[in-house]
Amino acid sequence: MADTSAGIPGADLLNAAENIANSVSDVTMRHFRTGFDVESKADESPVTIADKSTEAALRKAINERFPDHGILGEEYGAENLDRDYVWIIDPIDGTKSFISGVPLFGTLLGVLKNGVPVAGVIRMAGLDETFVGGKGMGSRMNGTVIETRKGVSLKDAFISINELPTFLKDEPDVVARLMAAARYPRPTNDCYPYAQLAAGWIDGVVDFDLQPYDYLPLVGVIEGAGGIITDWAGKPLSMDSDGRVVAAATPELHEELLKVIAR
């Protein structure tokens, strides 16, 4: 089937993504802090009925509204990735948090146009917070405009270092430099630090070993709020990025972080 929707305005896509992400929260939350089985995937990461049912609901909603679009999801893979528009799904980013009753898991939903992220949603169902954004369209949290914090240099910055155990194992020198360079380095996990960055509560996030469904939905939220998000070489994020991500509130802080990472 040919893609016949190449002219959708960005604001319409963003609103659709927000509505779709919000619409599946009840599917996710009906399993939260209840008894459910936990399976292990091939990479030994956990998966639950909540991951699978949330992604199934998202795919159904996308296909009903945009039948010409492609989809890439963590649990059910890829379909029609050759289309002009491709939706990116992480149904529960933070499955370990979900399993352990911690409400800092999120549903990530992004839209690519010709391979470029144009809209993104971080839906924190356990907190009832929705962060949405797109480059040139601004970002908002539960309908209120948000922006990244300005004028903070690395020596005064709050920096989230995501997935610290893996980070320490594979990139201990980078961790050591970040810990020494930032005033407030904090070990964190999953997607919520990116929402905090977009809202102006922290100043940067450095991440490691991500998949496209982990990072592509974040791009619109960060860029819409005035921030910068790239790979560790400073290149735009794409399907082919290597999973190493750095995000910052300003171009100046982003450059500082890149220098610390590369040193």
C-alpha atoms as a PDB file:
ATOM      1  CA  MET A   1       0.000   0.000   0.000  1.00  0.00           C
ATOM      2  CA  ALA A   2       1.358   3.405  -0.904  1.00  0.00           C
ATOM      3  CA  ASP A   3       1.706   6.065   1.769  1.00  0.00           C
ATOM      4  CA  THR A   4      -0.931   8.681   0.962  1.00  0.00           C
ATOM      5  CA  SER A   5      -0.450  10.874   4.063  1.00  0.00           C
ATOM      6  CA  ALA A   6       2.755  12.756   3.237  1.00  0.00           C
ATOM      7  CA  GLY A   7       1.197  16.148   3.906  1.00  0.00           C
ATOM      8  CA  ILE A   8       0.056  15.786   7.542  1.00  0.00           C
ATOM      9  CA  PRO A   9       0.795  18.986   9.520  1.00  0.00           C
ATOM     10  CA  GLY A  10       3.237  18.452  12.366  1.00  0.00           C
ATOM     11  CA  ALA A  11       0.827  19.800  14.964  1.00  0.00           C
ATOM     12  CA  ASP A  12      -1.804  17.280  13.902  1.00  0.00           C
ATOM     13  CA  LEU A  13       0.702  14.446  14.229  1.00  0.00           C
ATOM     14  CA  LEU A  14       1.771  15.673  17.648  1.00  0.00           C
ATOM     15  CA  ASN A  15      -1.801  15.919  18.894  1.00  0.00           C
ATOM     16  CA  ALA A  16      -2.576  12.479  17.517  1.00  0.00           C
ATOM     17  CA  ALA A  17       0.482  10.977  19.200  1.00  0.00           C
ATOM     18  CA  GLU A  18      -0.467  12.583  22.522  1.00  0.00           C
ATOM     19  CA  ASN A  19      -4.043  11.327  22.301  1.00  0.00           C
ATOM     20  CA  ILE A  20      -2.971   7.814  21.326  1.00  0.00           C
ATOM     21  CA  ALA A  21      -0.392   7.576  24.133  1.00  0.00           C
ATOM     22  CA  ASN A  22      -2.877   8.824  26.723  1.00  0.00           C
ATOM     23  CA  SER A  23      -5.585   6.486  25.471  1.00  0.00           C
ATOM     24  CA  VAL A  24      -3.678   3.316  26.423  1.00  0.00           C
ATOM     25  CA  SER A  25      -2.761   4.307  29.983  1.00  0.00           C
ATOM     26  CA  ASP A  26      -5.625   2.285  31.432  1.00  0.00           C
ATOM     27  CA  VAL A  27      -4.279  -0.801  29.627  1.00  0.00           C
ATOM     28  CA  THR A  28      -0.924  -0.309  31.308  1.00  0.00           C
ATOM     29  CA  MET A  29      -2.189   0.650  34.743  1.00  0.00           C
ATOM     30  CA  ARG A  30      -4.636  -2.223  35.130  1.00  0.00           C
ATOM     31  CA  HIS A  31      -1.569  -4.446  35.633  1.00  0.00           C
ATOM     32  CA  PHE A  32       0.541  -2.121  37.792  1.00  0.00           C
ATOM     33  CA  ARG A  33       1.209  -3.416  41.322  1.00  0.00           C
ATOM     34  CA  THR A  34      -0.794  -6.575  40.657  1.00  0.00           C
ATOM     35  CA  GLY A  35       0.289 -10.167  40.391  1.00  0.00           C
ATOM     36  CA  PHE A  36       1.568 -11.023  36.904  1.00  0.00           C
ATOM     37  CA  ASP A  37       4.113 -13.322  35.340  1.00  0.00           C
ATOM     38  CA  VAL A  38       7.496 -12.027  34.271  1.00  0.00           C
ATOM     39  CA  GLU A  39       9.140 -13.609  31.241  1.00  0.00           C
ATOM     40  CA  SER A  40      12.699 -13.238  29.963  1.00  0.00           C
ATOM     41  CA  LYS A  41      13.412 -12.246  26.366  1.00  0.00           C
ATOM     42  CA  ALA A  42      16.365 -13.525  24.354  1.00  0.00           C
ATOM     43  CA  ASP A  43      18.586 -10.776  25.757  1.00  0.00           C
ATOM     44  CA  GLU A  44      17.519 -11.693  29.313  1.00  0.00           C
ATOM     45  CA  SER A  45      15.558  -8.454  29.733  1.00  0.00           C
ATOM     46  CA  PRO A  46      12.154  -8.861  31.419  1.00  0.00           C
ATOM     47  CA  VAL A  47       8.790  -8.570  29.687  1.00  0.00           C
ATOM     48  CA  THR A  48       5.252  -8.719  31.068  1.00  0.00           C
ATOM     49  CA  ILE A  49       1.679  -8.835  29.878  1.00  0.00           C
ATOM     50  CA  ALA A  50       1.584  -5.072  30.425  1.00  0.00           C
ATOM     51  CA  ASP A  51       4.366  -4.506  27.855  1.00  0.00           C
ATOM     52  CA  LYS A  52       2.640  -6.695  25.296  1.00  0.00           C
ATOM     53  CA  SER A  53      -0.926  -5.485  25.819  1.00  0.00           C
ATOM     54  CA  THR A  54       0.138  -1.814  25.843  1.00  0.00           C
ATOM     55  CA  GLU A  55       1.992  -2.163  22.552  1.00  0.00           C
ATOM     56  CA  ALA A  56      -0.899  -4.096  21.019  1.00  0.00           C
ATOM     57  CA  ALA A  57      -3.279  -1.287  22.000  1.00  0.00           C
ATOM     58  CA  LEU A  58      -0.934   1.361  20.583  1.00  0.00           C
ATOM     59  CA  ARG A  59      -0.553  -0.507  17.290  1.00  0.00           C
ATOM     60  CA  LYS A  60      -4.321  -0.907  17.002  1.00  0.00           C
ATOM     61  CA  ALA A  61      -4.893   2.812  17.600  1.00  0.00           C
ATOM     62  CA  ILE A  62      -2.194   3.848  15.113  1.00  0.00           C
ATOM     63  CA  ASN A  63      -3.397   1.454  12.414  1.00  0.00           C
ATOM     64  CA  GLU A  64      -6.989   2.613  12.804  1.00  0.00           C
ATOM     65  CA  ARG A  65      -6.050   6.271  12.442  1.00  0.00           C
ATOM     66  CA  PHE A  66      -3.079   6.018  10.059  1.00  0.00           C
ATOM     67  CA  PRO A  67      -3.350   2.755   8.097  1.00  0.00           C
ATOM     68  CA  ASP A  68      -0.692   3.893   5.602  1.00  0.00           C
ATOM     69  CA  HIS A  69       2.018   4.393   8.234  1.00  0.00           C
ATOM     70  CA  GLY A  70       4.806   2.076   9.354  1.00  0.00           C
ATOM     71  CA  ILE A  71       5.498   0.950  12.919  1.00  0.00           C
ATOM     72  CA  LEU A  72       8.546  -0.173  14.895  1.00  0.00           C
ATOM     73  CA  GLY A  73       7.834  -1.483  18.382  1.00  0.00           C
ATOM     74  CA  GLU A  74       9.927  -3.165  21.031  1.00  0.00           C
ATOM     75  CA  GLU A  75       7.681  -6.175  21.537  1.00  0.00           C
ATOM     76  CA  TYR A  76       6.175  -6.867  18.096  1.00  0.00           C
ATOM     77  CA  GLY A  77       8.862  -5.642  15.735  1.00  0.00           C
ATOM     78  CA  ALA A  78       8.655  -3.758  12.453  1.00  0.00           C
ATOM     79  CA  GLU A  79       6.101  -3.332   9.714  1.00  0.00           C
ATOM     80  CA  ASN A  80       6.193  -1.096   6.639  1.00  0.00           C
ATOM     81  CA  LEU A  81       9.381   0.746   7.548  1.00  0.00           C
ATOM     82  CA  ASP A  82       9.583   2.001   3.949  1.00  0.00           C
ATOM     83  CA  ARG A  83       6.642   4.378   4.500  1.00  0.00           C
ATOM     84  CA  ASP A  84       7.070   8.162   4.718  1.00  0.00           C
ATOM     85  CA  TYR A  85       5.787   8.110   8.283  1.00  0.00           C
ATOM     86  CA  VAL A  86       6.923   5.528  10.838  1.00  0.00           C
ATOM     87  CA  TRP A  87       5.734   5.322  14.439  1.00  0.00           C
ATOM     88  CA  ILE A  88       8.183   4.232  17.131  1.00  0.00           C
ATOM     89  CA  ILE A  89       6.850   2.451  20.230  1.00  0.00           C
ATOM     90  CA  ASP A  90       8.324   1.508  23.581  1.00  0.00           C
ATOM     91  CA  PRO A  91       5.233   0.366  25.485  1.00  0.00           C
ATOM     92  CA  ILE A  92       6.906   0.351  28.899  1.00  0.00           C
ATOM     93  CA  ASP A  93      10.293   1.997  29.101  1.00  0.00           C
ATOM     94  CA  GLY A  94      11.367   0.869  32.554  1.00  0.00           C
ATOM     95  CA  THR A  95       9.902  -2.617  32.839  1.00  0.00           C
ATOM     96  CA  LYS A  96      12.063  -3.303  35.914  1.00  0.00           C
ATOM     97  CA  SER A  97      10.532  -0.253  37.604  1.00  0.00           C
ATOM     98  CA  PHE A  98       7.067  -1.443  36.590  1.00  0.00           C
ATOM     99  CA  ILE A  99       7.686  -4.924  37.976  1.00  0.00           C
ATOM    100  CA  SER A 100       8.965  -3.555  41.286  1.00  0.00           C
ATOM    101  CA  GLY A 101       6.074  -1.121  41.810  1.00  0.00           C
ATOM    102  CA  VAL A 102       8.051   2.043  41.054  1.00  0.00           C
ATOM    103  CA  PRO A 103       5.947   4.562  39.054  1.00  0.00           C
ATOM    104  CA  LEU A 104       8.906   5.895  37.023  1.00  0.00           C
ATOM    105  CA  PHE A 105       8.176   3.837  33.905  1.00  0.00           C
ATOM    106  CA  GLY A 106       6.961   5.479  30.724  1.00  0.00           C
ATOM    107  CA  THR A 107       5.255   4.773  27.437  1.00  0.00           C
ATOM    108  CA  LEU A 108       7.292   6.251  24.584  1.00  0.00           C
ATOM    109  CA  LEU A 109       5.702   7.114  21.255  1.00  0.00           C
ATOM    110  CA  GLY A 110       7.433   8.907  18.411  1.00  0.00           C
ATOM    111  CA  VAL A 111       6.812   9.703  14.765  1.00  0.00           C
ATOM    112  CA  LEU A 112       9.464   9.819  12.045  1.00  0.00           C
ATOM    113  CA  LYS A 113       8.950  11.549   8.716  1.00  0.00           C
ATOM    114  CA  ASN A 114      11.366  10.272   6.088  1.00  0.00           C
ATOM    115  CA  GLY A 115      13.563   8.984   8.905  1.00  0.00           C
ATOM    116  CA  VAL A 116      13.628  12.229  10.906  1.00  0.00           C
ATOM    117  CA  PRO A 117      11.894  12.466  14.312  1.00  0.00           C
ATOM    118  CA  VAL A 118       9.108  15.074  14.112  1.00  0.00           C
ATOM    119  CA  ALA A 119       6.964  14.338  17.175  1.00  0.00           C
ATOM    120  CA  GLY A 120       7.451  12.590  20.481  1.00  0.00           C
ATOM    121  CA  VAL A 121       5.567  11.641  23.628  1.00  0.00           C
ATOM    122  CA  ILE A 122       6.735  10.519  27.075  1.00  0.00           C
ATOM    123  CA  ARG A 123       3.630   9.276  28.878  1.00  0.00           C
ATOM    124  CA  MET A 124       4.247   8.629  32.579  1.00  0.00           C
ATOM    125  CA  ALA A 125       1.059   6.731  33.391  1.00  0.00           C
ATOM    126  CA  GLY A 126       2.043   6.064  37.009  1.00  0.00           C
ATOM    127  CA  LEU A 127       2.473   9.808  37.602  1.00  0.00           C
ATOM    128  CA  ASP A 128      -0.318  10.941  35.254  1.00  0.00           C
ATOM    129  CA  GLU A 129       2.139  13.184  33.418  1.00  0.00           C
ATOM    130  CA  THR A 130       2.354  13.518  29.634  1.00  0.00           C
ATOM    131  CA  PHE A 131       5.260  15.292  27.958  1.00  0.00           C
ATOM    132  CA  VAL A 132       4.909  16.017  24.236  1.00  0.00           C
ATOM    133  CA  GLY A 133       6.880  18.009  21.721  1.00  0.00           C
ATOM    134  CA  GLY A 134       8.348  18.485  18.289  1.00  0.00           C
ATOM    135  CA  LYS A 135      11.035  20.698  16.817  1.00  0.00           C
ATOM    136  CA  GLY A 136       9.522  24.054  15.925  1.00  0.00           C
ATOM    137  CA  MET A 137       6.282  23.196  17.750  1.00  0.00           C
ATOM    138  CA  GLY A 138       7.338  23.609  21.365  1.00  0.00           C
ATOM    139  CA  SER A 139       6.855  21.114  24.178  1.00  0.00           C
ATOM    140  CA  ARG A 140       4.306  20.840  26.924  1.00  0.00           C
ATOM    141  CA  MET A 141       3.549  18.860  30.057  1.00  0.00           C
ATOM    142  CA  ASN A 142      -0.131  18.135  30.644  1.00  0.00           C
ATOM    143  CA  GLY A 143      -0.940  21.053  28.356  1.00  0.00           C
ATOM    144  CA  THR A 144       1.435  23.577  29.963  1.00  0.00           C
ATOM    145  CA  VAL A 145       4.356  24.885  27.898  1.00  0.00           C
ATOM    146  CA  ILE A 146       7.768  23.716  29.139  1.00  0.00           C
ATOM    147  CA  GLU A 147      11.312  24.769  28.264  1.00  0.00           C
ATOM    148  CA  THR A 148      14.786  23.596  29.151  1.00  0.00           C
ATOM    149  CA  ARG A 149      16.756  25.528  31.739  1.00  0.00           C
ATOM    150  CA  LYS A 150      19.182  28.106  30.358  1.00  0.00           C
ATOM    151  CA  GLY A 151      22.477  29.600  31.471  1.00  0.00           C
ATOM    152  CA  VAL A 152      23.864  26.649  33.461  1.00  0.00           C
ATOM    153  CA  SER A 153      27.420  25.473  32.784  1.00  0.00           C
ATOM    154  CA  LEU A 154      28.609  21.938  33.470  1.00  0.00           C
ATOM    155  CA  LYS A 155      30.336  22.905  36.718  1.00  0.00           C
ATOM    156  CA  ASP A 156      26.928  23.908  38.127  1.00  0.00           C
ATOM    157  CA  ALA A 157      24.745  21.356  36.344  1.00  0.00           C
ATOM    158  CA  PHE A 158      22.459  18.527  37.408  1.00  0.00           C
ATOM    159  CA  ILE A 159      23.435  15.661  35.073  1.00  0.00           C
ATOM    160  CA  SER A 160      21.659  12.295  34.974  1.00  0.00           C
ATOM    161  CA  ILE A 161      23.879   9.318  34.189  1.00  0.00           C
ATOM    162  CA  ASN A 162      21.503   6.645  33.009  1.00  0.00           C
ATOM    163  CA  GLU A 163      21.866   2.883  33.509  1.00  0.00           C
ATOM    164  CA  LEU A 164      24.936   3.247  35.716  1.00  0.00           C
ATOM    165  CA  PRO A 165      25.738  -0.481  36.242  1.00  0.00           C
ATOM    166  CA  THR A 166      26.062  -1.097  32.488  1.00  0.00           C
ATOM    167  CA  PHE A 167      27.766   2.251  32.006  1.00  0.00           C
ATOM    168  CA  LEU A 168      30.384   1.458  34.664  1.00  0.00           C
ATOM    169  CA  LYS A 169      31.050  -1.941  33.167  1.00  0.00           C
ATOM    170  CA  ASP A 170      31.596  -0.748  29.609  1.00  0.00           C
ATOM    171  CA  GLU A 171      32.623   2.934  29.884  1.00  0.00           C
ATOM    172  CA  PRO A 172      34.128   3.467  33.366  1.00  0.00           C
ATOM    173  CA  ASP A 173      36.417   6.294  32.245  1.00  0.00           C
ATOM    174  CA  VAL A 174      33.509   8.272  30.805  1.00  0.00           C
ATOM    175  CA  VAL A 175      31.561   7.832  34.049  1.00  0.00           C
ATOM    176  CA  ALA A 176      34.532   8.993  36.096  1.00  0.00           C
ATOM    177  CA  ARG A 177      34.936  12.126  33.981  1.00  0.00           C
ATOM    178  CA  LEU A 178      31.239  12.962  34.172  1.00  0.00           C
ATOM    179  CA  MET A 179      31.219  12.469  37.932  1.00  0.00           C
ATOM    180  CA  ALA A 180      34.151  14.844  38.264  1.00  0.00           C
ATOM    181  CA  ALA A 181      32.890  17.490  35.822  1.00  0.00           C
ATOM    182  CA  ALA A 182      29.266  17.997  36.891  1.00  0.00           C
ATOM    183  CA  ARG A 183      28.300  19.584  40.180  1.00  0.00           C
ATOM    184  CA  TYR A 184      25.350  17.237  40.701  1.00  0.00           C
ATOM    185  CA  PRO A 185      25.824  13.937  38.820  1.00  0.00           C
ATOM    186  CA  ARG A 186      23.019  11.498  39.606  1.00  0.00           C
ATOM    187  CA  PRO A 187      22.538   7.806  38.732  1.00  0.00           C
ATOM    188  CA  THR A 188      19.151   7.409  37.046  1.00  0.00           C
ATOM    189  CA  ASN A 189      17.225   5.029  34.794  1.00  0.00           C
ATOM    190  CA  ASP A 190      14.933   4.937  31.781  1.00  0.00           C
ATOM    191  CA  CYS A 191      13.025   7.823  30.206  1.00  0.00           C
ATOM    192  CA  TYR A 192      11.983  10.097  33.062  1.00  0.00           C
ATOM    193  CA  PRO A 193      15.276  12.056  33.183  1.00  0.00           C
ATOM    194  CA  TYR A 194      14.565  13.226  29.621  1.00  0.00           C
ATOM    195  CA  ALA A 195      11.165  14.529  30.739  1.00  0.00           C
ATOM    196  CA  GLN A 196      12.884  16.278  33.645  1.00  0.00           C
ATOM    197  CA  LEU A 197      15.341  17.852  31.212  1.00  0.00           C
ATOM    198  CA  ALA A 198      12.569  19.104  28.917  1.00  0.00           C
ATOM    199  CA  ALA A 199      10.718  20.576  31.891  1.00  0.00           C
ATOM    200  CA  GLY A 200      13.764  22.514  33.095  1.00  0.00           C
ATOM    201  CA  TRP A 201      14.308  20.499  36.287  1.00  0.00           C
ATOM    202  CA  ILE A 202      17.731  19.102  35.363  1.00  0.00           C
ATOM    203  CA  ASP A 203      20.358  20.129  32.810  1.00  0.00           C
ATOM    204  CA  GLY A 204      21.572  17.034  30.960  1.00  0.00           C
ATOM    205  CA  VAL A 205      21.348  13.276  30.440  1.00  0.00           C
ATOM    206  CA  VAL A 206      24.054  10.887  29.277  1.00  0.00           C
ATOM    207  CA  ASP A 207      22.911   7.423  28.254  1.00  0.00           C
ATOM    208  CA  PHE A 208      24.311   4.190  26.900  1.00  0.00           C
ATOM    209  CA  ASP A 209      23.257   0.975  25.140  1.00  0.00           C
ATOM    210  CA  LEU A 210      19.852   2.133  23.880  1.00  0.00           C
ATOM    211  CA  GLN A 211      17.676   0.886  21.025  1.00  0.00           C
ATOM    212  CA  PRO A 212      15.820   3.109  18.505  1.00  0.00           C
ATOM    213  CA  TYR A 213      12.540   2.709  20.395  1.00  0.00           C
ATOM    214  CA  ASP A 214      14.332   3.944  23.560  1.00  0.00           C
ATOM    215  CA  TYR A 215      15.692   7.188  22.101  1.00  0.00           C
ATOM    216  CA  LEU A 216      13.809   8.271  18.956  1.00  0.00           C
ATOM    217  CA  PRO A 217      10.553   9.224  20.769  1.00  0.00           C
ATOM    218  CA  LEU A 218      12.590  11.473  23.089  1.00  0.00           C
ATOM    219  CA  VAL A 219      13.906  13.701  20.317  1.00  0.00           C
ATOM    220  CA  GLY A 220      10.735  15.723  19.718  1.00  0.00           C
ATOM    221  CA  VAL A 221      10.174  16.364  23.422  1.00  0.00           C
ATOM    222  CA  ILE A 222      13.751  17.574  24.009  1.00  0.00           C
ATOM    223  CA  GLU A 223      14.045  19.637  20.817  1.00  0.00           C
ATOM    224  CA  GLY A 224      10.603  21.182  21.220  1.00  0.00           C
ATOM    225  CA  ALA A 225      11.615  22.367  24.685  1.00  0.00           C
ATOM    226  CA  GLY A 226      14.749  24.029  23.283  1.00  0.00           C
ATOM    227  CA  GLY A 227      17.240  21.321  24.171  1.00  0.00           C
ATOM    228  CA  ILE A 228      19.751  19.300  22.176  1.00  0.00           C
ATOM    229  CA  ILE A 229      19.879  15.502  21.862  1.00  0.00           C
ATOM    230  CA  THR A 230      22.420  13.606  19.730  1.00  0.00           C
ATOM    231  CA  ASP A 231      24.723  10.613  19.774  1.00  0.00           C
ATOM    232  CA  TRP A 232      28.093  10.846  21.535  1.00  0.00           C
ATOM    233  CA  ALA A 233      29.706  12.178  18.361  1.00  0.00           C
ATOM    234  CA  GLY A 234      27.208  15.047  18.177  1.00  0.00           C
ATOM    235  CA  LYS A 235      25.322  13.544  15.219  1.00  0.00           C
ATOM    236  CA  PRO A 236      21.508  13.565  14.918  1.00  0.00           C
ATOM    237  CA  LEU A 237      19.800  10.435  16.192  1.00  0.00           C
ATOM    238  CA  SER A 238      18.392   8.016  13.636  1.00  0.00           C
ATOM    239  CA  MET A 239      17.422   4.384  13.256  1.00  0.00           C
ATOM    240  CA  ASP A 240      21.103   3.618  12.669  1.00  0.00           C
ATOM    241  CA  SER A 241      22.559   5.379  15.725  1.00  0.00           C
ATOM    242  CA  ASP A 242      24.723   3.281  18.033  1.00  0.00           C
ATOM    243  CA  GLY A 243      22.607   3.751  21.162  1.00  0.00           C
ATOM    244  CA  ARG A 244      24.903   6.196  22.964  1.00  0.00           C
ATOM    245  CA  VAL A 245      22.939   9.365  23.669  1.00  0.00           C
ATOM    246  CA  VAL A 246      23.695  12.765  25.189  1.00  0.00           C
ATOM    247  CA  ALA A 247      21.021  15.404  25.809  1.00  0.00           C
ATOM    248  CA  ALA A 248      21.432  18.898  27.212  1.00  0.00           C
ATOM    249  CA  ALA A 249      19.422  22.006  27.973  1.00  0.00           C
ATOM    250  CA  THR A 250      21.535  24.286  25.741  1.00  0.00           C
ATOM    251  CA  PRO A 251      23.990  23.999  22.849  1.00  0.00           C
ATOM    252  CA  GLU A 252      26.771  25.285  25.119  1.00  0.00           C
ATOM    253  CA  LEU A 253      26.210  22.623  27.767  1.00  0.00           C
ATOM    254  CA  HIS A 254      25.839  19.972  25.082  1.00  0.00           C
ATOM    255  CA  GLU A 255      29.251  20.927  23.712  1.00  0.00           C
ATOM    256  CA  GLU A 256      30.754  20.711  27.186  1.00  0.00           C
ATOM    257  CA  LEU A 257      29.328  17.222  27.664  1.00  0.00           C
ATOM    258  CA  LEU A 258      30.603  16.070  24.278  1.00  0.00           C
ATOM    259  CA  LYS A 259      34.102  17.224  25.213  1.00  0.00           C
ATOM    260  CA  VAL A 260      34.019  15.373  28.528  1.00  0.00           C
ATOM    261  CA  ILE A 261      32.764  12.178  26.872  1.00  0.00           C
ATOM    262  CA  ALA A 262      35.404  12.283  24.105  1.00  0.00           C
ATOM    263  CA  ARG A 263      38.382  13.269  26.254  1.00  0.00           C
END
